[in-house]
């Protein structure tokens, strides 16, 4: 029991579990949610809580699977050095959402229909329409079968000494790994 409280932040886990059981469905941006999350204000890219200040970095990922073995190893070692070199707390938050390409497919279909109107040869027009239909079905099927997801990566930095310096350290070290880093702003 002591290990749970000492090593796994048991008190916070129990508090979060209690809040969830008490309020399983909460409206986004409601006062109750603001109390639970403990956000007092967001100003100049800083989240102010009752006792802490936070900054949030959005990381734009790259396709790790397309890298060579040497590049993969260098990235892994670089990320280990990044984590081991930090002397302040961070959280890594990853969200996954189903990919939405319906707007892209609708746009593509409309563009092809415009192109088809200008084609005089009916066979070519029909072939082009069949190709675009086949493409759209292929993309939909691939997304569904492979459960392709959009992933968003965030680093949440809790102020230890100087939040601006901590943000700069994280941003520079992650950028050196080839990642695009952007600090989230107020709006």
N, C-alpha and C. Protein backbone atom coordinates (compact mmCIF):
# COMPACT_ATOMS: atom_id res chain seq x y z
N UNK A 1 0.82 -1.18 0.00
CA UNK A 1 0.00 0.00 0.00
C UNK A 1 0.87 1.26 0.00
N UNK A 2 1.93 1.22 0.80
CA UNK A 2 2.83 2.38 0.88
C UNK A 2 3.49 2.64 -0.47
N UNK A 3 3.87 1.57 -1.17
CA UNK A 3 4.50 1.72 -2.49
C UNK A 3 3.54 2.39 -3.47
N UNK A 4 2.27 2.05 -3.39
CA UNK A 4 1.26 2.67 -4.26
C UNK A 4 1.23 4.18 -4.06
N UNK A 5 1.26 4.61 -2.80
CA UNK A 5 1.20 6.04 -2.52
C UNK A 5 2.53 6.73 -2.80
N UNK A 6 3.65 6.04 -2.57
CA UNK A 6 4.97 6.66 -2.74
C UNK A 6 5.41 6.71 -4.20
N UNK A 7 5.29 5.60 -4.89
CA UNK A 7 5.89 5.49 -6.22
C UNK A 7 4.90 5.73 -7.37
N UNK A 8 3.63 5.58 -7.11
CA UNK A 8 2.65 5.69 -8.19
C UNK A 8 1.68 6.86 -7.99
N UNK A 9 2.04 7.80 -7.12
CA UNK A 9 1.22 8.99 -6.90
C UNK A 9 -0.22 8.57 -6.57
N UNK A 10 -0.34 7.64 -5.63
CA UNK A 10 -1.61 7.04 -5.29
C UNK A 10 -2.68 8.01 -4.84
N UNK A 11 -2.29 9.04 -4.10
CA UNK A 11 -3.28 9.99 -3.61
C UNK A 11 -3.98 10.70 -4.78
N UNK A 12 -3.21 11.14 -5.77
CA UNK A 12 -3.81 11.78 -6.95
C UNK A 12 -4.65 10.80 -7.76
N UNK A 13 -4.19 9.57 -7.87
CA UNK A 13 -4.95 8.56 -8.61
C UNK A 13 -6.31 8.32 -7.95
N UNK A 14 -6.33 8.24 -6.62
CA UNK A 14 -7.58 8.05 -5.90
C UNK A 14 -8.48 9.27 -6.08
N UNK A 15 -7.89 10.48 -6.03
CA UNK A 15 -8.67 11.71 -6.22
C UNK A 15 -9.30 11.74 -7.62
N UNK A 16 -8.51 11.39 -8.64
CA UNK A 16 -9.04 11.38 -10.01
C UNK A 16 -10.12 10.32 -10.17
N UNK A 17 -9.94 9.16 -9.59
CA UNK A 17 -10.92 8.08 -9.66
C UNK A 17 -12.22 8.52 -8.98
N UNK A 18 -12.10 9.16 -7.82
CA UNK A 18 -13.27 9.66 -7.09
C UNK A 18 -14.02 10.69 -7.92
N UNK A 19 -13.30 11.64 -8.51
CA UNK A 19 -13.94 12.67 -9.35
C UNK A 19 -14.64 12.04 -10.55
N UNK A 20 -14.03 11.01 -11.13
CA UNK A 20 -14.66 10.34 -12.26
C UNK A 20 -15.96 9.66 -11.84
N UNK A 21 -15.92 8.93 -10.73
CA UNK A 21 -17.12 8.23 -10.27
C UNK A 21 -18.22 9.21 -9.88
N UNK A 22 -17.83 10.35 -9.34
CA UNK A 22 -18.80 11.36 -8.94
C UNK A 22 -19.40 12.09 -10.14
N UNK A 23 -18.60 12.26 -11.21
CA UNK A 23 -19.01 13.04 -12.37
C UNK A 23 -18.60 12.34 -13.68
N UNK A 24 -19.21 11.20 -14.01
CA UNK A 24 -18.76 10.48 -15.20
C UNK A 24 -19.00 11.23 -16.51
N UNK A 25 -20.00 12.11 -16.55
CA UNK A 25 -20.29 12.87 -17.76
C UNK A 25 -20.32 14.35 -17.42
N UNK A 26 -19.32 15.06 -17.92
CA UNK A 26 -19.22 16.49 -17.64
C UNK A 26 -19.12 17.22 -18.96
N UNK A 27 -19.81 18.35 -19.05
CA UNK A 27 -19.75 19.19 -20.24
C UNK A 27 -18.38 19.85 -20.35
N UNK A 28 -17.88 19.92 -21.57
CA UNK A 28 -16.62 20.63 -21.81
C UNK A 28 -16.83 22.10 -21.48
N UNK A 29 -15.85 22.71 -20.86
CA UNK A 29 -15.84 24.12 -20.46
C UNK A 29 -16.87 24.46 -19.37
N UNK A 30 -17.40 23.46 -18.69
CA UNK A 30 -18.32 23.73 -17.59
C UNK A 30 -17.52 24.14 -16.35
N UNK A 31 -18.18 24.79 -15.40
CA UNK A 31 -17.50 25.21 -14.17
C UNK A 31 -17.01 24.01 -13.38
N UNK A 32 -17.78 22.92 -13.38
CA UNK A 32 -17.38 21.72 -12.66
C UNK A 32 -16.09 21.15 -13.23
N UNK A 33 -15.98 21.13 -14.57
CA UNK A 33 -14.75 20.64 -15.20
C UNK A 33 -13.57 21.54 -14.85
N UNK A 34 -13.78 22.85 -14.84
CA UNK A 34 -12.70 23.78 -14.48
C UNK A 34 -12.22 23.54 -13.06
N UNK A 35 -13.14 23.19 -12.13
CA UNK A 35 -12.74 22.89 -10.75
C UNK A 35 -11.91 21.62 -10.70
N UNK A 36 -12.34 20.60 -11.42
CA UNK A 36 -11.63 19.32 -11.39
C UNK A 36 -10.26 19.44 -12.03
N UNK A 37 -10.18 20.12 -13.17
CA UNK A 37 -8.92 20.26 -13.89
C UNK A 37 -8.02 21.29 -13.21
N UNK A 38 -8.60 22.20 -12.46
CA UNK A 38 -7.86 23.22 -11.71
C UNK A 38 -7.15 24.21 -12.63
N UNK A 39 -7.91 24.77 -13.58
CA UNK A 39 -7.36 25.82 -14.44
C UNK A 39 -7.98 27.14 -13.99
N UNK A 40 -7.13 28.04 -13.56
CA UNK A 40 -7.59 29.37 -13.12
C UNK A 40 -7.68 30.32 -14.31
N UNK A 41 -6.62 30.35 -15.13
CA UNK A 41 -6.62 31.19 -16.33
C UNK A 41 -5.52 30.72 -17.27
N UNK A 42 -5.64 31.14 -18.52
CA UNK A 42 -4.62 30.88 -19.53
C UNK A 42 -4.23 32.24 -20.09
N UNK A 43 -2.94 32.54 -19.96
CA UNK A 43 -2.48 33.87 -20.37
C UNK A 43 -1.06 33.77 -20.91
N UNK A 44 -0.82 34.37 -22.04
CA UNK A 44 0.51 34.40 -22.68
C UNK A 44 1.13 33.00 -22.74
N UNK A 45 0.36 32.05 -23.28
CA UNK A 45 0.80 30.67 -23.50
C UNK A 45 1.13 29.93 -22.21
N UNK A 46 0.64 30.43 -21.08
CA UNK A 46 0.88 29.77 -19.80
C UNK A 46 -0.47 29.43 -19.17
N UNK A 47 -0.57 28.20 -18.67
CA UNK A 47 -1.77 27.75 -17.97
C UNK A 47 -1.51 27.93 -16.48
N UNK A 48 -2.36 28.73 -15.85
CA UNK A 48 -2.22 28.99 -14.41
C UNK A 48 -3.20 28.10 -13.66
N UNK A 49 -2.65 27.30 -12.74
CA UNK A 49 -3.47 26.49 -11.85
C UNK A 49 -3.37 27.12 -10.46
N UNK A 50 -4.03 26.53 -9.48
CA UNK A 50 -4.01 27.10 -8.13
C UNK A 50 -2.59 27.17 -7.58
N UNK A 51 -1.79 26.13 -7.82
CA UNK A 51 -0.45 26.08 -7.23
C UNK A 51 0.66 26.00 -8.27
N UNK A 52 0.34 25.84 -9.53
CA UNK A 52 1.36 25.61 -10.55
C UNK A 52 1.15 26.48 -11.77
N UNK A 53 2.19 26.53 -12.59
CA UNK A 53 2.09 27.10 -13.92
C UNK A 53 2.54 26.00 -14.89
N UNK A 54 1.85 25.92 -16.03
CA UNK A 54 2.16 24.91 -17.03
C UNK A 54 2.34 25.55 -18.40
N UNK A 55 3.13 24.89 -19.22
CA UNK A 55 3.22 25.23 -20.64
C UNK A 55 2.97 23.95 -21.41
N UNK A 56 2.38 24.07 -22.58
CA UNK A 56 2.07 22.89 -23.38
C UNK A 56 2.71 23.04 -24.75
N UNK A 57 3.50 22.03 -25.12
CA UNK A 57 4.14 22.00 -26.42
C UNK A 57 3.43 20.98 -27.28
N UNK A 58 3.11 21.36 -28.51
CA UNK A 58 2.53 20.43 -29.46
C UNK A 58 3.66 19.93 -30.36
N UNK A 59 3.78 18.62 -30.47
CA UNK A 59 4.84 18.01 -31.25
C UNK A 59 4.23 17.44 -32.52
N UNK A 60 4.78 17.84 -33.67
CA UNK A 60 4.32 17.29 -34.94
C UNK A 60 5.19 16.06 -35.23
N UNK A 61 4.59 14.89 -35.27
CA UNK A 61 5.37 13.67 -35.45
C UNK A 61 5.80 13.46 -36.90
N UNK A 62 6.75 12.57 -37.06
CA UNK A 62 7.13 12.11 -38.39
C UNK A 62 6.92 10.60 -38.42
N UNK A 63 6.96 10.01 -39.60
CA UNK A 63 6.74 8.57 -39.72
C UNK A 63 8.03 7.84 -39.39
N UNK A 64 8.09 7.30 -38.18
CA UNK A 64 9.26 6.60 -37.68
C UNK A 64 9.58 5.37 -38.53
N UNK A 65 8.54 4.72 -39.07
CA UNK A 65 8.73 3.48 -39.82
C UNK A 65 9.45 3.72 -41.16
N UNK A 66 9.45 4.96 -41.65
CA UNK A 66 10.12 5.25 -42.91
C UNK A 66 11.61 5.52 -42.74
N UNK A 67 12.07 5.57 -41.50
CA UNK A 67 13.48 5.86 -41.22
C UNK A 67 14.32 4.59 -41.35
N UNK A 68 15.60 4.78 -41.67
CA UNK A 68 16.53 3.64 -41.72
C UNK A 68 16.82 3.19 -40.29
N UNK A 69 17.42 2.02 -40.15
CA UNK A 69 17.76 1.51 -38.82
C UNK A 69 18.69 2.46 -38.08
N UNK A 70 19.67 3.01 -38.79
CA UNK A 70 20.60 3.96 -38.16
C UNK A 70 19.86 5.19 -37.66
N UNK A 71 18.95 5.71 -38.49
CA UNK A 71 18.18 6.89 -38.09
C UNK A 71 17.29 6.58 -36.89
N UNK A 72 16.66 5.40 -36.91
CA UNK A 72 15.80 5.01 -35.79
C UNK A 72 16.60 4.94 -34.49
N UNK A 73 17.77 4.30 -34.56
CA UNK A 73 18.61 4.18 -33.37
C UNK A 73 19.06 5.55 -32.87
N UNK A 74 19.43 6.44 -33.79
CA UNK A 74 19.86 7.79 -33.40
C UNK A 74 18.70 8.55 -32.74
N UNK A 75 17.50 8.39 -33.27
CA UNK A 75 16.33 9.06 -32.69
C UNK A 75 16.04 8.52 -31.29
N UNK A 76 16.09 7.21 -31.13
CA UNK A 76 15.82 6.59 -29.83
C UNK A 76 16.86 7.05 -28.81
N UNK A 77 18.12 7.02 -29.19
CA UNK A 77 19.19 7.46 -28.27
C UNK A 77 19.03 8.94 -27.94
N UNK A 78 18.70 9.75 -28.96
CA UNK A 78 18.49 11.17 -28.73
C UNK A 78 17.34 11.43 -27.79
N UNK A 79 16.25 10.67 -27.93
CA UNK A 79 15.10 10.84 -27.06
C UNK A 79 15.43 10.41 -25.63
N UNK A 80 16.21 9.33 -25.50
CA UNK A 80 16.65 8.91 -24.16
C UNK A 80 17.48 10.01 -23.50
N UNK A 81 18.39 10.60 -24.28
CA UNK A 81 19.20 11.70 -23.75
C UNK A 81 18.33 12.88 -23.36
N UNK A 82 17.32 13.17 -24.18
CA UNK A 82 16.39 14.25 -23.86
C UNK A 82 15.72 14.01 -22.51
N UNK A 83 15.15 12.81 -22.33
CA UNK A 83 14.46 12.49 -21.08
C UNK A 83 15.41 12.48 -19.88
N UNK A 84 16.59 11.88 -20.05
CA UNK A 84 17.54 11.79 -18.95
C UNK A 84 18.16 13.15 -18.60
N UNK A 85 18.17 14.07 -19.55
CA UNK A 85 18.77 15.38 -19.33
C UNK A 85 17.85 16.38 -18.65
N UNK A 86 16.60 16.03 -18.50
CA UNK A 86 15.65 16.97 -17.88
C UNK A 86 15.78 16.94 -16.36
N UNK A 87 15.75 18.12 -15.74
CA UNK A 87 15.76 18.18 -14.28
C UNK A 87 14.48 18.81 -13.76
N UNK A 88 13.42 18.69 -14.56
CA UNK A 88 12.11 19.19 -14.17
C UNK A 88 11.06 18.23 -14.71
N UNK A 89 9.85 18.23 -14.10
CA UNK A 89 8.83 17.26 -14.50
C UNK A 89 8.15 17.63 -15.82
N UNK A 90 7.88 16.62 -16.61
CA UNK A 90 7.07 16.78 -17.82
C UNK A 90 6.07 15.63 -17.87
N UNK A 91 5.00 15.84 -18.63
CA UNK A 91 4.07 14.76 -18.95
C UNK A 91 4.02 14.68 -20.46
N UNK A 92 3.92 13.47 -20.97
CA UNK A 92 3.74 13.26 -22.40
C UNK A 92 2.31 12.78 -22.58
N UNK A 93 1.55 13.52 -23.37
CA UNK A 93 0.14 13.20 -23.58
C UNK A 93 -0.06 12.90 -25.07
N UNK A 94 -0.65 11.75 -25.36
CA UNK A 94 -0.89 11.34 -26.74
C UNK A 94 -2.39 11.11 -26.91
N UNK A 95 -2.95 11.71 -27.96
CA UNK A 95 -4.35 11.46 -28.27
C UNK A 95 -4.44 10.81 -29.64
N UNK A 96 -5.39 9.92 -29.80
CA UNK A 96 -5.65 9.26 -31.07
C UNK A 96 -7.10 9.49 -31.46
N UNK A 97 -7.30 9.89 -32.70
CA UNK A 97 -8.65 10.07 -33.21
C UNK A 97 -8.73 9.43 -34.59
N UNK A 98 -9.89 8.89 -34.93
CA UNK A 98 -10.01 8.30 -36.28
C UNK A 98 -9.74 9.36 -37.34
N UNK A 99 -9.07 8.97 -38.38
CA UNK A 99 -8.73 9.91 -39.44
C UNK A 99 -9.98 10.24 -40.24
N UNK A 100 -10.15 11.49 -40.58
CA UNK A 100 -11.33 11.95 -41.32
C UNK A 100 -10.89 12.48 -42.69
N UNK A 101 -11.17 11.73 -43.73
CA UNK A 101 -10.82 12.16 -45.08
C UNK A 101 -12.04 12.41 -45.94
N UNK A 102 -13.21 12.43 -45.34
CA UNK A 102 -14.43 12.60 -46.15
C UNK A 102 -14.42 13.93 -46.90
N UNK A 103 -13.92 14.99 -46.26
CA UNK A 103 -13.86 16.30 -46.93
C UNK A 103 -12.89 16.25 -48.12
N UNK A 104 -11.74 15.62 -47.92
CA UNK A 104 -10.76 15.46 -49.00
C UNK A 104 -11.35 14.66 -50.15
N UNK A 105 -12.02 13.57 -49.84
CA UNK A 105 -12.60 12.72 -50.88
C UNK A 105 -13.72 13.46 -51.62
N UNK A 106 -14.52 14.22 -50.90
CA UNK A 106 -15.58 15.01 -51.53
C UNK A 106 -14.98 16.07 -52.46
N UNK A 107 -13.93 16.74 -52.01
CA UNK A 107 -13.24 17.75 -52.82
C UNK A 107 -12.67 17.11 -54.09
N UNK A 108 -12.01 15.97 -53.93
CA UNK A 108 -11.42 15.26 -55.07
C UNK A 108 -12.49 14.86 -56.06
N UNK A 109 -13.60 14.32 -55.57
CA UNK A 109 -14.70 13.90 -56.43
C UNK A 109 -15.27 15.09 -57.20
N UNK A 110 -15.45 16.22 -56.52
CA UNK A 110 -15.96 17.43 -57.20
C UNK A 110 -15.01 17.92 -58.28
N UNK A 111 -13.72 17.90 -57.99
CA UNK A 111 -12.73 18.35 -58.99
C UNK A 111 -12.74 17.43 -60.22
N UNK A 112 -12.87 16.13 -59.97
CA UNK A 112 -12.91 15.18 -61.08
C UNK A 112 -14.18 15.37 -61.91
N UNK A 113 -15.29 15.62 -61.23
CA UNK A 113 -16.55 15.85 -61.97
C UNK A 113 -16.44 17.08 -62.85
N UNK A 114 -15.76 18.15 -62.36
CA UNK A 114 -15.53 19.34 -63.19
C UNK A 114 -14.68 18.98 -64.41
N UNK A 115 -13.66 18.16 -64.17
CA UNK A 115 -12.75 17.75 -65.26
C UNK A 115 -13.52 16.89 -66.28
N UNK A 116 -14.38 16.01 -65.79
CA UNK A 116 -15.13 15.11 -66.66
C UNK A 116 -16.04 15.90 -67.59
N UNK A 117 -16.62 16.99 -67.11
CA UNK A 117 -17.50 17.82 -67.94
C UNK A 117 -16.78 18.36 -69.16
N UNK A 118 -15.47 18.58 -69.05
CA UNK A 118 -14.72 19.14 -70.17
C UNK A 118 -14.22 18.05 -71.15
N UNK A 119 -14.39 16.79 -70.77
CA UNK A 119 -13.93 15.69 -71.64
C UNK A 119 -15.04 15.34 -72.63
N UNK A 120 -14.69 15.35 -73.90
CA UNK A 120 -15.67 15.07 -74.95
C UNK A 120 -15.90 13.57 -75.13
N UNK A 121 -14.85 12.80 -74.95
CA UNK A 121 -14.92 11.35 -75.14
C UNK A 121 -15.62 10.71 -73.93
N UNK A 122 -16.80 10.09 -74.17
CA UNK A 122 -17.58 9.51 -73.09
C UNK A 122 -16.84 8.36 -72.40
N UNK A 123 -16.11 7.56 -73.17
CA UNK A 123 -15.39 6.42 -72.58
C UNK A 123 -14.30 6.91 -71.62
N UNK A 124 -13.58 7.95 -72.03
CA UNK A 124 -12.54 8.51 -71.15
C UNK A 124 -13.18 9.10 -69.89
N UNK A 125 -14.29 9.79 -70.05
CA UNK A 125 -14.98 10.38 -68.90
C UNK A 125 -15.45 9.30 -67.93
N UNK A 126 -16.03 8.24 -68.49
CA UNK A 126 -16.50 7.13 -67.65
C UNK A 126 -15.33 6.44 -66.96
N UNK A 127 -14.22 6.24 -67.67
CA UNK A 127 -13.03 5.62 -67.09
C UNK A 127 -12.49 6.47 -65.94
N UNK A 128 -12.42 7.77 -66.15
CA UNK A 128 -11.94 8.67 -65.10
C UNK A 128 -12.84 8.63 -63.87
N UNK A 129 -14.16 8.62 -64.08
CA UNK A 129 -15.10 8.54 -62.96
C UNK A 129 -14.94 7.21 -62.22
N UNK A 130 -14.76 6.12 -62.96
CA UNK A 130 -14.54 4.81 -62.33
C UNK A 130 -13.25 4.79 -61.52
N UNK A 131 -12.21 5.43 -62.07
CA UNK A 131 -10.93 5.48 -61.36
C UNK A 131 -11.07 6.24 -60.04
N UNK A 132 -11.74 7.38 -60.08
CA UNK A 132 -11.89 8.16 -58.85
C UNK A 132 -12.77 7.44 -57.84
N UNK A 133 -13.81 6.76 -58.29
CA UNK A 133 -14.64 5.96 -57.39
C UNK A 133 -13.83 4.84 -56.75
N UNK A 134 -13.01 4.20 -57.57
CA UNK A 134 -12.16 3.12 -57.07
C UNK A 134 -11.16 3.66 -56.04
N UNK A 135 -10.57 4.83 -56.33
CA UNK A 135 -9.62 5.46 -55.41
C UNK A 135 -10.29 5.77 -54.07
N UNK A 136 -11.47 6.37 -54.12
CA UNK A 136 -12.18 6.72 -52.89
C UNK A 136 -12.52 5.48 -52.06
N UNK A 137 -12.97 4.44 -52.71
CA UNK A 137 -13.29 3.20 -52.00
C UNK A 137 -12.04 2.57 -51.41
N UNK A 138 -10.93 2.60 -52.17
CA UNK A 138 -9.66 2.06 -51.67
C UNK A 138 -9.21 2.79 -50.41
N UNK A 139 -9.27 4.12 -50.44
CA UNK A 139 -8.84 4.92 -49.29
C UNK A 139 -9.73 4.62 -48.09
N UNK A 140 -11.04 4.60 -48.28
CA UNK A 140 -11.97 4.31 -47.17
C UNK A 140 -11.71 2.92 -46.59
N UNK A 141 -11.54 1.94 -47.46
CA UNK A 141 -11.31 0.56 -47.02
C UNK A 141 -9.99 0.45 -46.27
N UNK A 142 -8.94 1.09 -46.78
CA UNK A 142 -7.63 1.03 -46.13
C UNK A 142 -7.68 1.65 -44.74
N UNK A 143 -8.35 2.78 -44.62
CA UNK A 143 -8.47 3.44 -43.31
C UNK A 143 -9.23 2.57 -42.34
N UNK A 144 -10.32 1.97 -42.81
CA UNK A 144 -11.15 1.14 -41.93
C UNK A 144 -10.42 -0.14 -41.52
N UNK A 145 -9.84 -0.85 -42.49
CA UNK A 145 -9.20 -2.13 -42.19
C UNK A 145 -7.95 -1.97 -41.33
N UNK A 146 -7.18 -0.92 -41.57
CA UNK A 146 -5.94 -0.73 -40.83
C UNK A 146 -6.11 0.15 -39.60
N UNK A 147 -7.34 0.60 -39.36
CA UNK A 147 -7.65 1.45 -38.21
C UNK A 147 -6.65 2.60 -38.10
N UNK A 148 -6.50 3.32 -39.20
CA UNK A 148 -5.55 4.42 -39.26
C UNK A 148 -6.07 5.56 -38.40
N UNK A 149 -5.21 6.11 -37.58
CA UNK A 149 -5.57 7.14 -36.62
C UNK A 149 -4.70 8.39 -36.81
N UNK A 150 -5.25 9.53 -36.47
CA UNK A 150 -4.47 10.75 -36.32
C UNK A 150 -3.94 10.73 -34.90
N UNK A 151 -2.67 10.97 -34.73
CA UNK A 151 -2.11 11.01 -33.38
C UNK A 151 -1.57 12.41 -33.13
N UNK A 152 -1.90 12.92 -31.96
CA UNK A 152 -1.41 14.22 -31.54
C UNK A 152 -0.55 14.01 -30.30
N UNK A 153 0.61 14.65 -30.28
CA UNK A 153 1.55 14.49 -29.17
C UNK A 153 1.74 15.85 -28.49
N UNK A 154 1.68 15.82 -27.17
CA UNK A 154 1.85 17.04 -26.39
C UNK A 154 2.81 16.77 -25.24
N UNK A 155 3.62 17.77 -24.93
CA UNK A 155 4.48 17.72 -23.75
C UNK A 155 3.96 18.81 -22.82
N UNK A 156 3.62 18.41 -21.61
CA UNK A 156 3.13 19.35 -20.62
C UNK A 156 4.25 19.58 -19.62
N UNK A 157 4.66 20.82 -19.50
CA UNK A 157 5.80 21.18 -18.65
C UNK A 157 5.27 21.92 -17.43
N UNK A 158 5.56 21.38 -16.27
CA UNK A 158 5.17 22.02 -15.01
C UNK A 158 6.34 22.85 -14.52
N UNK A 159 6.08 24.10 -14.18
CA UNK A 159 7.16 25.00 -13.77
C UNK A 159 7.87 24.48 -12.53
N UNK A 160 9.20 24.43 -12.63
CA UNK A 160 10.01 24.11 -11.46
C UNK A 160 10.75 25.37 -11.03
N UNK A 161 11.47 25.99 -11.97
CA UNK A 161 12.18 27.24 -11.68
C UNK A 161 11.67 28.35 -12.60
N UNK A 162 12.10 28.30 -13.85
CA UNK A 162 11.70 29.31 -14.83
C UNK A 162 11.05 28.61 -16.01
N UNK A 163 9.75 28.78 -16.15
CA UNK A 163 8.99 28.07 -17.17
C UNK A 163 9.49 28.37 -18.58
N UNK A 164 9.83 29.63 -18.86
CA UNK A 164 10.32 29.99 -20.19
C UNK A 164 11.59 29.23 -20.55
N UNK A 165 12.49 29.09 -19.60
CA UNK A 165 13.74 28.35 -19.84
C UNK A 165 13.44 26.87 -20.06
N UNK A 166 12.53 26.32 -19.26
CA UNK A 166 12.17 24.92 -19.41
C UNK A 166 11.56 24.66 -20.79
N UNK A 167 10.70 25.56 -21.25
CA UNK A 167 10.09 25.42 -22.57
C UNK A 167 11.17 25.47 -23.65
N UNK A 168 12.09 26.40 -23.52
CA UNK A 168 13.16 26.55 -24.51
C UNK A 168 14.04 25.29 -24.56
N UNK A 169 14.38 24.75 -23.41
CA UNK A 169 15.20 23.53 -23.35
C UNK A 169 14.50 22.38 -24.07
N UNK A 170 13.23 22.17 -23.74
CA UNK A 170 12.47 21.08 -24.37
C UNK A 170 12.34 21.30 -25.87
N UNK A 171 12.00 22.51 -26.27
CA UNK A 171 11.82 22.81 -27.69
C UNK A 171 13.09 22.56 -28.48
N UNK A 172 14.21 23.05 -27.98
CA UNK A 172 15.48 22.89 -28.69
C UNK A 172 15.92 21.43 -28.78
N UNK A 173 15.79 20.70 -27.67
CA UNK A 173 16.21 19.29 -27.68
C UNK A 173 15.33 18.46 -28.60
N UNK A 174 14.02 18.71 -28.61
CA UNK A 174 13.13 17.97 -29.49
C UNK A 174 13.34 18.36 -30.95
N UNK A 175 13.59 19.63 -31.21
CA UNK A 175 13.86 20.08 -32.58
C UNK A 175 15.15 19.45 -33.11
N UNK A 176 16.12 19.21 -32.22
CA UNK A 176 17.36 18.58 -32.65
C UNK A 176 17.15 17.13 -33.09
N UNK A 177 16.01 16.54 -32.69
CA UNK A 177 15.66 15.18 -33.12
C UNK A 177 14.89 15.19 -34.44
N UNK A 178 14.65 16.38 -34.98
CA UNK A 178 13.92 16.48 -36.24
C UNK A 178 12.42 16.65 -36.06
N UNK A 179 11.99 16.92 -34.85
CA UNK A 179 10.56 17.11 -34.58
C UNK A 179 10.21 18.59 -34.67
N UNK A 180 9.00 18.86 -35.14
CA UNK A 180 8.51 20.24 -35.16
C UNK A 180 7.79 20.47 -33.84
N UNK A 181 8.18 21.55 -33.17
CA UNK A 181 7.65 21.85 -31.84
C UNK A 181 7.02 23.23 -31.86
N UNK A 182 5.82 23.32 -31.28
CA UNK A 182 5.12 24.61 -31.22
C UNK A 182 4.48 24.73 -29.84
N UNK A 183 4.71 25.85 -29.17
CA UNK A 183 4.06 26.08 -27.90
C UNK A 183 2.63 26.53 -28.14
N UNK A 184 1.69 25.89 -27.47
CA UNK A 184 0.29 26.27 -27.62
C UNK A 184 0.04 27.63 -26.99
N UNK A 185 -0.75 28.42 -27.67
CA UNK A 185 -1.04 29.79 -27.23
C UNK A 185 -2.40 29.86 -26.56
N UNK A 186 -2.79 31.06 -26.15
CA UNK A 186 -4.05 31.27 -25.42
C UNK A 186 -5.27 30.91 -26.24
N UNK A 187 -5.30 31.31 -27.48
CA UNK A 187 -6.52 31.15 -28.28
C UNK A 187 -6.67 29.78 -28.85
